[in-house]
């Protein structure tokens, strides 16, 4: 079984730098593959939820990952739980 997250990191190491994580308020990354062998990056993030005096709140975002393990489009959906994000990519 391939480690999707490691493949993504190998292709785009700067995307996962501590500076990039800090700027985006990201907490953790998870690389997953669905039953159709499509790759996704799930991001656990605070995002910019604390802008304009908002309450800092963790949530999950999903990005499509290409066959070449390059990070692609960000889906607009915001998920409260990892399970919701995983259900989305099925």
PDB file of N, CA and C in Angstrom:
ATOM      1  N   UNK A   1       0.843  -1.184   0.000  1.00  0.00           N
ATOM      2  CA  UNK A   1       0.000   0.000   0.000  1.00  0.00           C
ATOM      3  C   UNK A   1       0.888   1.247   0.000  1.00  0.00           C
ATOM      4  N   UNK A   2       0.553   2.212  -0.831  1.00  0.00           N
ATOM      5  CA  UNK A   2       1.364   3.416  -0.916  1.00  0.00           C
ATOM      6  C   UNK A   2       1.006   4.389   0.210  1.00  0.00           C
ATOM      7  N   UNK A   3       1.977   5.148   0.617  1.00  0.00           N
ATOM      8  CA  UNK A   3       1.754   6.207   1.591  1.00  0.00           C
ATOM      9  C   UNK A   3       1.479   7.483   0.800  1.00  0.00           C
ATOM     10  N   UNK A   4       0.204   7.805   0.658  1.00  0.00           N
ATOM     11  CA  UNK A   4      -0.213   8.932  -0.180  1.00  0.00           C
ATOM     12  C   UNK A   4       0.402  10.236   0.320  1.00  0.00           C
ATOM     13  N   UNK A   5       0.360  10.466   1.618  1.00  0.00           N
ATOM     14  CA  UNK A   5       0.889  11.718   2.157  1.00  0.00           C
ATOM     15  C   UNK A   5       2.372  11.857   1.857  1.00  0.00           C
ATOM     16  N   UNK A   6       3.140  10.790   1.993  1.00  0.00           N
ATOM     17  CA  UNK A   6       4.577  10.872   1.720  1.00  0.00           C
ATOM     18  C   UNK A   6       4.833  11.174   0.245  1.00  0.00           C
ATOM     19  N   UNK A   7       4.036  10.574  -0.634  1.00  0.00           N
ATOM     20  CA  UNK A   7       4.185  10.846  -2.071  1.00  0.00           C
ATOM     21  C   UNK A   7       3.903  12.324  -2.372  1.00  0.00           C
ATOM     22  N   UNK A   8       2.883  12.868  -1.730  1.00  0.00           N
ATOM     23  CA  UNK A   8       2.545  14.282  -1.931  1.00  0.00           C
ATOM     24  C   UNK A   8       3.676  15.164  -1.406  1.00  0.00           C
ATOM     25  N   UNK A   9       4.179  14.850  -0.222  1.00  0.00           N
ATOM     26  CA  UNK A   9       5.271  15.634   0.370  1.00  0.00           C
ATOM     27  C   UNK A   9       6.521  15.586  -0.491  1.00  0.00           C
ATOM     28  N   UNK A  10       6.800  14.426  -1.068  1.00  0.00           N
ATOM     29  CA  UNK A  10       7.980  14.291  -1.926  1.00  0.00           C
ATOM     30  C   UNK A  10       7.882  15.189  -3.160  1.00  0.00           C
ATOM     31  N   UNK A  11       6.670  15.387  -3.681  1.00  0.00           N
ATOM     32  CA  UNK A  11       6.480  16.210  -4.875  1.00  0.00           C
ATOM     33  C   UNK A  11       6.461  17.707  -4.564  1.00  0.00           C
ATOM     34  N   UNK A  12       6.007  18.084  -3.362  1.00  0.00           N
ATOM     35  CA  UNK A  12       5.844  19.500  -3.025  1.00  0.00           C
ATOM     36  C   UNK A  12       6.277  19.766  -1.585  1.00  0.00           C
ATOM     37  N   UNK A  13       7.554  19.600  -1.280  1.00  0.00           N
ATOM     38  CA  UNK A  13       7.999  19.733   0.112  1.00  0.00           C
ATOM     39  C   UNK A  13       7.757  21.110   0.722  1.00  0.00           C
ATOM     40  N   UNK A  14       7.821  22.177  -0.060  1.00  0.00           N
ATOM     41  CA  UNK A  14       7.618  23.520   0.498  1.00  0.00           C
ATOM     42  C   UNK A  14       6.196  23.734   0.994  1.00  0.00           C
ATOM     43  N   UNK A  15       5.262  23.003   0.424  1.00  0.00           N
ATOM     44  CA  UNK A  15       3.868  23.129   0.819  1.00  0.00           C
ATOM     45  C   UNK A  15       3.678  22.713   2.279  1.00  0.00           C
ATOM     46  N   UNK A  16       4.571  21.856   2.766  1.00  0.00           N
ATOM     47  CA  UNK A  16       4.459  21.297   4.109  1.00  0.00           C
ATOM     48  C   UNK A  16       5.479  21.886   5.083  1.00  0.00           C
ATOM     49  N   UNK A  17       6.107  22.978   4.704  1.00  0.00           N
ATOM     50  CA  UNK A  17       7.098  23.599   5.590  1.00  0.00           C
ATOM     51  C   UNK A  17       6.411  24.158   6.832  1.00  0.00           C
ATOM     52  N   UNK A  18       7.169  24.346   7.881  1.00  0.00           N
ATOM     53  CA  UNK A  18       6.594  24.899   9.113  1.00  0.00           C
ATOM     54  C   UNK A  18       6.068  26.315   8.875  1.00  0.00           C
ATOM     55  N   UNK A  19       6.719  27.059   7.985  1.00  0.00           N
ATOM     56  CA  UNK A  19       6.264  28.414   7.670  1.00  0.00           C
ATOM     57  C   UNK A  19       4.894  28.382   6.982  1.00  0.00           C
ATOM     58  N   UNK A  20       4.731  27.456   6.038  1.00  0.00           N
ATOM     59  CA  UNK A  20       3.462  27.349   5.318  1.00  0.00           C
ATOM     60  C   UNK A  20       2.352  26.890   6.257  1.00  0.00           C
ATOM     61  N   UNK A  21       2.661  25.931   7.117  1.00  0.00           N
ATOM     62  CA  UNK A  21       1.669  25.457   8.090  1.00  0.00           C
ATOM     63  C   UNK A  21       1.245  26.589   9.017  1.00  0.00           C
ATOM     64  N   UNK A  22       2.211  27.356   9.475  1.00  0.00           N
ATOM     65  CA  UNK A  22       1.922  28.458  10.387  1.00  0.00           C
ATOM     66  C   UNK A  22       1.073  29.532   9.701  1.00  0.00           C
ATOM     67  N   UNK A  23       1.418  29.880   8.464  1.00  0.00           N
ATOM     68  CA  UNK A  23       0.678  30.903   7.736  1.00  0.00           C
ATOM     69  C   UNK A  23      -0.786  30.502   7.555  1.00  0.00           C
ATOM     70  N   UNK A  24      -1.003  29.239   7.220  1.00  0.00           N
ATOM     71  CA  UNK A  24      -2.358  28.749   6.946  1.00  0.00           C
ATOM     72  C   UNK A  24      -3.106  28.298   8.189  1.00  0.00           C
ATOM     73  N   UNK A  25      -2.427  28.309   9.323  1.00  0.00           N
ATOM     74  CA  UNK A  25      -3.005  27.806  10.576  1.00  0.00           C
ATOM     75  C   UNK A  25      -3.393  26.338  10.472  1.00  0.00           C
ATOM     76  N   UNK A  26      -2.599  25.562   9.724  1.00  0.00           N
ATOM     77  CA  UNK A  26      -2.863  24.140   9.572  1.00  0.00           C
ATOM     78  C   UNK A  26      -2.361  23.379  10.793  1.00  0.00           C
ATOM     79  N   UNK A  27      -3.089  22.329  11.147  1.00  0.00           N
ATOM     80  CA  UNK A  27      -2.759  21.519  12.309  1.00  0.00           C
ATOM     81  C   UNK A  27      -2.115  20.210  11.881  1.00  0.00           C
ATOM     82  N   UNK A  28      -2.731  19.549  10.889  1.00  0.00           N
ATOM     83  CA  UNK A  28      -2.278  18.217  10.493  1.00  0.00           C
ATOM     84  C   UNK A  28      -2.741  17.919   9.072  1.00  0.00           C
ATOM     85  N   UNK A  29      -2.011  17.038   8.404  1.00  0.00           N
ATOM     86  CA  UNK A  29      -2.359  16.621   7.047  1.00  0.00           C
ATOM     87  C   UNK A  29      -2.539  15.111   7.012  1.00  0.00           C
ATOM     88  N   UNK A  30      -3.433  14.671   6.145  1.00  0.00           N
ATOM     89  CA  UNK A  30      -3.670  13.254   5.958  1.00  0.00           C
ATOM     90  C   UNK A  30      -3.855  13.012   4.466  1.00  0.00           C
ATOM     91  N   UNK A  31      -3.131  12.063   3.922  1.00  0.00           N
ATOM     92  CA  UNK A  31      -3.278  11.692   2.518  1.00  0.00           C
ATOM     93  C   UNK A  31      -4.094  10.417   2.429  1.00  0.00           C
ATOM     94  N   UNK A  32      -5.172  10.461   1.664  1.00  0.00           N
ATOM     95  CA  UNK A  32      -6.046   9.296   1.533  1.00  0.00           C
ATOM     96  C   UNK A  32      -6.338   9.002   0.071  1.00  0.00           C
ATOM     97  N   UNK A  33      -6.684   7.744  -0.158  1.00  0.00           N
ATOM     98  CA  UNK A  33      -7.059   7.296  -1.488  1.00  0.00           C
ATOM     99  C   UNK A  33      -8.437   6.641  -1.376  1.00  0.00           C
ATOM    100  N   UNK A  34      -9.347   6.976  -2.290  1.00  0.00           N
ATOM    101  CA  UNK A  34     -10.671   6.365  -2.231  1.00  0.00           C
ATOM    102  C   UNK A  34     -10.677   5.039  -2.993  1.00  0.00           C
ATOM    103  N   UNK A  35     -11.836   4.409  -3.073  1.00  0.00           N
ATOM    104  CA  UNK A  35     -11.944   3.096  -3.718  1.00  0.00           C
ATOM    105  C   UNK A  35     -11.599   3.140  -5.200  1.00  0.00           C
ATOM    106  N   UNK A  36     -11.749   4.306  -5.827  1.00  0.00           N
ATOM    107  CA  UNK A  36     -11.409   4.463  -7.247  1.00  0.00           C
ATOM    108  C   UNK A  36      -9.937   4.819  -7.449  1.00  0.00           C
ATOM    109  N   UNK A  37      -9.158   4.775  -6.378  1.00  0.00           N
ATOM    110  CA  UNK A  37      -7.713   5.066  -6.407  1.00  0.00           C
ATOM    111  C   UNK A  37      -7.417   6.533  -6.697  1.00  0.00           C
ATOM    112  N   UNK A  38      -8.380   7.420  -6.384  1.00  0.00           N
ATOM    113  CA  UNK A  38      -8.150   8.856  -6.500  1.00  0.00           C
ATOM    114  C   UNK A  38      -7.541   9.332  -5.183  1.00  0.00           C
ATOM    115  N   UNK A  39      -6.562  10.223  -5.284  1.00  0.00           N
ATOM    116  CA  UNK A  39      -5.845  10.698  -4.098  1.00  0.00           C
ATOM    117  C   UNK A  39      -6.393  12.041  -3.622  1.00  0.00           C
ATOM    118  N   UNK A  40      -6.383  12.200  -2.297  1.00  0.00           N
ATOM    119  CA  UNK A  40      -6.877  13.427  -1.668  1.00  0.00           C
ATOM    120  C   UNK A  40      -5.974  13.809  -0.507  1.00  0.00           C
ATOM    121  N   UNK A  41      -5.885  15.098  -0.272  1.00  0.00           N
ATOM    122  CA  UNK A  41      -5.203  15.630   0.895  1.00  0.00           C
ATOM    123  C   UNK A  41      -6.282  16.204   1.799  1.00  0.00           C
ATOM    124  N   UNK A  42      -6.365  15.680   3.021  1.00  0.00           N
ATOM    125  CA  UNK A  42      -7.298  16.211   4.003  1.00  0.00           C
ATOM    126  C   UNK A  42      -6.492  17.076   4.959  1.00  0.00           C
ATOM    127  N   UNK A  43      -6.951  18.294   5.146  1.00  0.00           N
ATOM    128  CA  UNK A  43      -6.234  19.265   5.963  1.00  0.00           C
ATOM    129  C   UNK A  43      -7.055  19.561   7.212  1.00  0.00           C
ATOM    130  N   UNK A  44      -6.464  19.302   8.360  1.00  0.00           N
ATOM    131  CA  UNK A  44      -7.069  19.719   9.627  1.00  0.00           C
ATOM    132  C   UNK A  44      -6.478  21.092   9.909  1.00  0.00           C
ATOM    133  N   UNK A  45      -7.319  22.098   9.969  1.00  0.00           N
ATOM    134  CA  UNK A  45      -6.833  23.470  10.015  1.00  0.00           C
ATOM    135  C   UNK A  45      -7.721  24.367  10.869  1.00  0.00           C
ATOM    136  N   UNK A  46      -7.115  25.417  11.345  1.00  0.00           N
ATOM    137  CA  UNK A  46      -7.899  26.497  11.928  1.00  0.00           C
ATOM    138  C   UNK A  46      -8.245  27.496  10.833  1.00  0.00           C
ATOM    139  N   UNK A  47      -7.514  27.375   9.704  1.00  0.00           N
ATOM    140  CA  UNK A  47      -7.731  28.287   8.590  1.00  0.00           C
ATOM    141  C   UNK A  47      -7.619  29.721   9.064  1.00  0.00           C
ATOM    142  N   UNK A  48      -8.516  30.518   8.638  1.00  0.00           N
ATOM    143  CA  UNK A  48      -8.517  31.915   9.048  1.00  0.00           C
ATOM    144  C   UNK A  48      -9.774  32.209   9.862  1.00  0.00           C
ATOM    145  N   UNK A  49     -10.179  31.207  10.654  1.00  0.00           N
ATOM    146  CA  UNK A  49     -11.413  31.339  11.432  1.00  0.00           C
ATOM    147  C   UNK A  49     -11.329  32.429  12.490  1.00  0.00           C
ATOM    148  N   UNK A  50     -10.125  32.806  12.896  1.00  0.00           N
ATOM    149  CA  UNK A  50      -9.995  33.821  13.941  1.00  0.00           C
ATOM    150  C   UNK A  50      -9.837  35.239  13.387  1.00  0.00           C
ATOM    151  N   UNK A  51      -9.997  35.385  12.076  1.00  0.00           N
ATOM    152  CA  UNK A  51      -9.929  36.730  11.489  1.00  0.00           C
ATOM    153  C   UNK A  51     -11.133  37.540  11.932  1.00  0.00           C
ATOM    154  N   UNK A  52     -10.967  38.823  12.001  1.00  0.00           N
ATOM    155  CA  UNK A  52     -12.046  39.747  12.342  1.00  0.00           C
ATOM    156  C   UNK A  52     -12.703  39.377  13.670  1.00  0.00           C
ATOM    157  N   UNK A  53     -11.857  39.039  14.643  1.00  0.00           N
ATOM    158  CA  UNK A  53     -12.302  38.699  15.999  1.00  0.00           C
ATOM    159  C   UNK A  53     -13.137  37.425  16.077  1.00  0.00           C
ATOM    160  N   UNK A  54     -12.994  36.546  15.108  1.00  0.00           N
ATOM    161  CA  UNK A  54     -13.705  35.275  15.147  1.00  0.00           C
ATOM    162  C   UNK A  54     -13.074  34.325  16.153  1.00  0.00           C
ATOM    163  N   UNK A  55     -13.772  33.279  16.481  1.00  0.00           N
ATOM    164  CA  UNK A  55     -13.286  32.264  17.401  1.00  0.00           C
ATOM    165  C   UNK A  55     -12.484  31.238  16.612  1.00  0.00           C
ATOM    166  N   UNK A  56     -11.280  30.959  17.065  1.00  0.00           N
ATOM    167  CA  UNK A  56     -10.413  29.990  16.402  1.00  0.00           C
ATOM    168  C   UNK A  56     -11.050  28.602  16.533  1.00  0.00           C
ATOM    169  N   UNK A  57     -11.419  28.003  15.391  1.00  0.00           N
ATOM    170  CA  UNK A  57     -12.142  26.743  15.412  1.00  0.00           C
ATOM    171  C   UNK A  57     -11.540  25.775  14.396  1.00  0.00           C
ATOM    172  N   UNK A  58     -11.141  24.583  14.834  1.00  0.00           N
ATOM    173  CA  UNK A  58     -10.589  23.614  13.882  1.00  0.00           C
ATOM    174  C   UNK A  58     -11.681  23.018  12.997  1.00  0.00           C
ATOM    175  N   UNK A  59     -11.312  22.716  11.772  1.00  0.00           N
ATOM    176  CA  UNK A  59     -12.204  22.069  10.834  1.00  0.00           C
ATOM    177  C   UNK A  59     -11.349  21.344   9.793  1.00  0.00           C
ATOM    178  N   UNK A  60     -11.988  20.676   8.866  1.00  0.00           N
ATOM    179  CA  UNK A  60     -11.283  19.902   7.842  1.00  0.00           C
ATOM    180  C   UNK A  60     -11.631  20.445   6.466  1.00  0.00           C
ATOM    181  N   UNK A  61     -10.615  20.458   5.608  1.00  0.00           N
ATOM    182  CA  UNK A  61     -10.771  20.850   4.204  1.00  0.00           C
ATOM    183  C   UNK A  61     -10.205  19.717   3.354  1.00  0.00           C
ATOM    184  N   UNK A  62     -10.644  19.622   2.110  1.00  0.00           N
ATOM    185  CA  UNK A  62     -10.198  18.553   1.213  1.00  0.00           C
ATOM    186  C   UNK A  62      -9.665  19.167  -0.071  1.00  0.00           C
ATOM    187  N   UNK A  63      -8.505  18.652  -0.499  1.00  0.00           N
ATOM    188  CA  UNK A  63      -7.932  19.037  -1.788  1.00  0.00           C
ATOM    189  C   UNK A  63      -7.762  17.782  -2.626  1.00  0.00           C
ATOM    190  N   UNK A  64      -8.098  17.888  -3.896  1.00  0.00           N
ATOM    191  CA  UNK A  64      -7.861  16.798  -4.840  1.00  0.00           C
ATOM    192  C   UNK A  64      -6.367  16.742  -5.128  1.00  0.00           C
ATOM    193  N   UNK A  65      -5.855  15.551  -5.301  1.00  0.00           N
ATOM    194  CA  UNK A  65      -4.438  15.355  -5.624  1.00  0.00           C
ATOM    195  C   UNK A  65      -4.366  14.591  -6.936  1.00  0.00           C
ATOM    196  N   UNK A  66      -3.568  15.088  -7.859  1.00  0.00           N
ATOM    197  CA  UNK A  66      -3.457  14.472  -9.180  1.00  0.00           C
ATOM    198  C   UNK A  66      -2.711  13.155  -9.163  1.00  0.00           C
ATOM    199  N   UNK A  67      -2.744  12.471 -10.299  1.00  0.00           N
ATOM    200  CA  UNK A  67      -2.045  11.191 -10.432  1.00  0.00           C
ATOM    201  C   UNK A  67      -0.545  11.352 -10.209  1.00  0.00           C
ATOM    202  N   UNK A  68      -0.043  12.561 -10.449  1.00  0.00           N
ATOM    203  CA  UNK A  68       1.382  12.844 -10.246  1.00  0.00           C
ATOM    204  C   UNK A  68       1.664  13.309  -8.814  1.00  0.00           C
ATOM    205  N   UNK A  69       0.659  13.199  -7.943  1.00  0.00           N
ATOM    206  CA  UNK A  69       0.735  13.582  -6.522  1.00  0.00           C
ATOM    207  C   UNK A  69       0.917  15.083  -6.323  1.00  0.00           C
ATOM    208  N   UNK A  70       0.550  15.865  -7.312  1.00  0.00           N
ATOM    209  CA  UNK A  70       0.550  17.325  -7.162  1.00  0.00           C
ATOM    210  C   UNK A  70      -0.791  17.758  -6.589  1.00  0.00           C
ATOM    211  N   UNK A  71      -0.741  18.672  -5.628  1.00  0.00           N
ATOM    212  CA  UNK A  71      -1.948  19.154  -4.976  1.00  0.00           C
ATOM    213  C   UNK A  71      -2.742  20.006  -5.953  1.00  0.00           C
ATOM    214  N   UNK A  72      -4.031  19.719  -6.037  1.00  0.00           N
ATOM    215  CA  UNK A  72      -4.899  20.413  -6.974  1.00  0.00           C
ATOM    216  C   UNK A  72      -5.935  21.266  -6.275  1.00  0.00           C
ATOM    217  N   UNK A  73      -7.136  21.216  -6.802  1.00  0.00           N
ATOM    218  CA  UNK A  73      -8.207  22.111  -6.364  1.00  0.00           C
ATOM    219  C   UNK A  73      -8.633  21.868  -4.916  1.00  0.00           C
ATOM    220  N   UNK A  74      -9.012  22.953  -4.278  1.00  0.00           N
ATOM    221  CA  UNK A  74      -9.589  22.909  -2.934  1.00  0.00           C
ATOM    222  C   UNK A  74     -11.097  22.902  -3.081  1.00  0.00           C
ATOM    223  N   UNK A  75     -11.727  21.913  -2.508  1.00  0.00           N
ATOM    224  CA  UNK A  75     -13.186  21.888  -2.505  1.00  0.00           C
ATOM    225  C   UNK A  75     -13.684  22.921  -1.512  1.00  0.00           C
ATOM    226  N   UNK A  76     -14.778  23.541  -1.795  1.00  0.00           N
ATOM    227  CA  UNK A  76     -15.314  24.613  -0.959  1.00  0.00           C
ATOM    228  C   UNK A  76     -15.901  24.110   0.354  1.00  0.00           C
ATOM    229  N   UNK A  77     -16.198  22.826   0.417  1.00  0.00           N
ATOM    230  CA  UNK A  77     -16.813  22.256   1.607  1.00  0.00           C
ATOM    231  C   UNK A  77     -15.928  22.420   2.835  1.00  0.00           C
ATOM    232  N   UNK A  78     -16.556  22.676   3.965  1.00  0.00           N
ATOM    233  CA  UNK A  78     -15.874  22.732   5.255  1.00  0.00           C
ATOM    234  C   UNK A  78     -16.518  21.666   6.126  1.00  0.00           C
ATOM    235  N   UNK A  79     -15.691  20.787   6.684  1.00  0.00           N
ATOM    236  CA  UNK A  79     -16.186  19.658   7.457  1.00  0.00           C
ATOM    237  C   UNK A  79     -15.806  19.825   8.920  1.00  0.00           C
ATOM    238  N   UNK A  80     -16.748  19.517   9.794  1.00  0.00           N
ATOM    239  CA  UNK A  80     -16.498  19.615  11.233  1.00  0.00           C
ATOM    240  C   UNK A  80     -15.708  18.427  11.769  1.00  0.00           C
ATOM    241  N   UNK A  81     -15.816  17.273  11.103  1.00  0.00           N
ATOM    242  CA  UNK A  81     -15.138  16.068  11.586  1.00  0.00           C
ATOM    243  C   UNK A  81     -14.371  15.396  10.455  1.00  0.00           C
ATOM    244  N   UNK A  82     -13.393  14.599  10.851  1.00  0.00           N
ATOM    245  CA  UNK A  82     -12.624  13.826   9.878  1.00  0.00           C
ATOM    246  C   UNK A  82     -13.543  12.829   9.176  1.00  0.00           C
ATOM    247  N   UNK A  83     -14.451  12.233   9.904  1.00  0.00           N
ATOM    248  CA  UNK A  83     -15.370  11.262   9.307  1.00  0.00           C
ATOM    249  C   UNK A  83     -16.173  11.895   8.175  1.00  0.00           C
ATOM    250  N   UNK A  84     -16.639  13.127   8.363  1.00  0.00           N
ATOM    251  CA  UNK A  84     -17.384  13.823   7.309  1.00  0.00           C
ATOM    252  C   UNK A  84     -16.513  14.021   6.064  1.00  0.00           C
ATOM    253  N   UNK A  85     -15.253  14.395   6.259  1.00  0.00           N
ATOM    254  CA  UNK A  85     -14.330  14.596   5.132  1.00  0.00           C
ATOM    255  C   UNK A  85     -14.065  13.277   4.417  1.00  0.00           C
ATOM    256  N   UNK A  86     -13.898  12.206   5.185  1.00  0.00           N
ATOM    257  CA  UNK A  86     -13.659  10.889   4.579  1.00  0.00           C
ATOM    258  C   UNK A  86     -14.874  10.426   3.788  1.00  0.00           C
ATOM    259  N   UNK A  87     -16.067  10.680   4.287  1.00  0.00           N
ATOM    260  CA  UNK A  87     -17.288  10.310   3.576  1.00  0.00           C
ATOM    261  C   UNK A  87     -17.396  11.088   2.259  1.00  0.00           C
ATOM    262  N   UNK A  88     -16.947  12.327   2.255  1.00  0.00           N
ATOM    263  CA  UNK A  88     -16.998  13.161   1.061  1.00  0.00           C
ATOM    264  C   UNK A  88     -16.157  12.582  -0.064  1.00  0.00           C
ATOM    265  N   UNK A  89     -14.988  12.037   0.240  1.00  0.00           N
ATOM    266  CA  UNK A  89     -14.110  11.545  -0.822  1.00  0.00           C
ATOM    267  C   UNK A  89     -14.479  10.153  -1.313  1.00  0.00           C
ATOM    268  N   UNK A  90     -15.372   9.485  -0.612  1.00  0.00           N
ATOM    269  CA  UNK A  90     -15.788   8.139  -1.075  1.00  0.00           C
ATOM    270  C   UNK A  90     -16.491   8.298  -2.356  1.00  0.00           C
TER     271      UNK A  90
END
